[in-house]
Amino acid sequence: MAAPRLTLVHRRDCALCDEMLAQLQALGRTVALPPIDVVDVDCDPLLRRRHGLDVPVLLLDGAVVCRHRLDRRELARLLRPGRGAHA
């Protein structure tokens, strides 16, 4: 089984996007998180069509974890061994 991957779909000059990234980085200093890929929604036509103005979006292996605000509880639930996306 491949290691889980987090993806933050964001937009440049988006305060909510910057806030979620900062929260993820802070959380990553206290708990083990998978690598986080940060992608600009405006640089990918598929992401722009899928998410448009509805950013930031945190994905775990392509599945939505949360939108707009970091949901630490849901992220922890999904990352727990034998739970969520990896059950």
Protein backbone atom coordinates (compact mmCIF):
# COMPACT_ATOMS: atom_id res chain seq x y z
CA MET A 1 0.00 0.00 0.00
CA ALA A 2 1.35 3.43 -0.97
CA ALA A 3 2.03 6.01 1.70
CA PRO A 4 -0.78 8.57 2.10
CA ARG A 5 -0.37 11.99 0.44
CA LEU A 6 -1.96 15.28 1.42
CA THR A 7 -2.69 17.90 -1.21
CA LEU A 8 -3.66 21.47 -0.45
CA VAL A 9 -5.49 23.06 -3.36
CA HIS A 10 -5.00 26.78 -2.94
CA ARG A 11 -5.01 30.09 -4.81
CA ARG A 12 -2.44 32.85 -4.72
CA ASP A 13 -3.46 35.88 -2.62
CA CYS A 14 -6.08 33.82 -0.74
CA ALA A 15 -6.01 34.53 3.00
CA LEU A 16 -7.96 31.36 3.88
CA CYS A 17 -5.53 29.31 1.78
CA ASP A 18 -2.52 30.82 3.52
CA GLU A 19 -4.16 30.24 6.90
CA MET A 20 -4.82 26.55 6.20
CA LEU A 21 -1.25 26.05 4.97
CA ALA A 22 0.15 27.71 8.12
CA GLN A 23 -2.09 25.53 10.31
CA LEU A 24 -0.97 22.37 8.50
CA GLN A 25 2.69 23.36 8.86
CA ALA A 26 2.21 24.05 12.58
CA LEU A 27 0.37 20.76 13.05
CA GLY A 28 3.15 18.95 11.21
CA ARG A 29 5.62 20.18 13.82
CA THR A 30 3.67 18.41 16.58
CA VAL A 31 2.32 15.26 14.87
CA ALA A 32 3.54 13.14 11.99
CA LEU A 33 1.76 14.15 8.79
CA PRO A 34 2.20 12.72 5.31
CA PRO A 35 4.00 14.96 2.81
CA ILE A 36 1.90 17.94 1.75
CA ASP A 37 1.76 18.93 -1.91
CA VAL A 38 0.57 22.48 -2.47
CA VAL A 39 -1.06 23.07 -5.85
CA ASP A 40 -2.44 26.27 -7.34
CA VAL A 41 -6.03 25.75 -8.49
CA ASP A 42 -5.51 28.29 -11.28
CA CYS A 43 -2.63 26.35 -12.84
CA ASP A 44 -4.64 23.18 -13.45
CA PRO A 45 -7.82 23.28 -15.59
CA LEU A 46 -9.22 20.12 -13.96
CA LEU A 47 -8.71 21.49 -10.44
CA ARG A 48 -10.16 24.86 -11.48
CA ARG A 49 -13.24 23.11 -12.92
CA ARG A 50 -13.58 20.85 -9.87
CA HIS A 51 -12.97 23.43 -7.12
CA GLY A 52 -13.25 26.89 -8.76
CA LEU A 53 -13.59 29.51 -6.06
CA ASP A 54 -14.22 26.86 -3.39
CA VAL A 55 -10.67 26.90 -1.97
CA PRO A 56 -8.73 25.98 0.04
CA VAL A 57 -9.41 22.27 -0.18
CA LEU A 58 -7.38 19.66 1.67
CA LEU A 59 -7.24 16.28 -0.05
CA LEU A 60 -5.98 12.97 1.28
CA ASP A 61 -5.06 10.70 -1.62
CA GLY A 62 -7.43 12.73 -3.81
CA ALA A 63 -10.44 12.58 -1.46
CA VAL A 64 -11.70 15.78 0.20
CA VAL A 65 -10.83 16.05 3.90
CA CYS A 66 -12.11 19.59 4.42
CA ARG A 67 -12.74 22.91 2.69
CA HIS A 68 -12.08 26.51 3.79
CA ARG A 69 -11.00 25.67 7.38
CA LEU A 70 -8.70 22.92 8.62
CA ASP A 71 -10.73 20.17 10.27
CA ARG A 72 -8.07 18.63 12.52
CA ARG A 73 -10.45 16.03 13.92
CA GLU A 74 -11.43 14.73 10.47
CA LEU A 75 -7.82 14.73 9.30
CA ALA A 76 -6.75 12.75 12.37
CA ARG A 77 -9.62 10.29 11.87
CA LEU A 78 -8.69 9.68 8.24
CA LEU A 79 -4.99 9.26 9.02
CA ARG A 80 -5.60 6.76 11.85
CA PRO A 81 -4.42 3.28 10.82
CA GLY A 82 -7.31 1.08 9.74
CA ARG A 83 -9.73 4.02 9.48
CA GLY A 84 -11.12 6.43 6.91
CA ALA A 85 -9.57 6.49 3.45
CA HIS A 86 -7.08 3.73 4.32
CA ALA A 87 -9.47 1.18 5.78
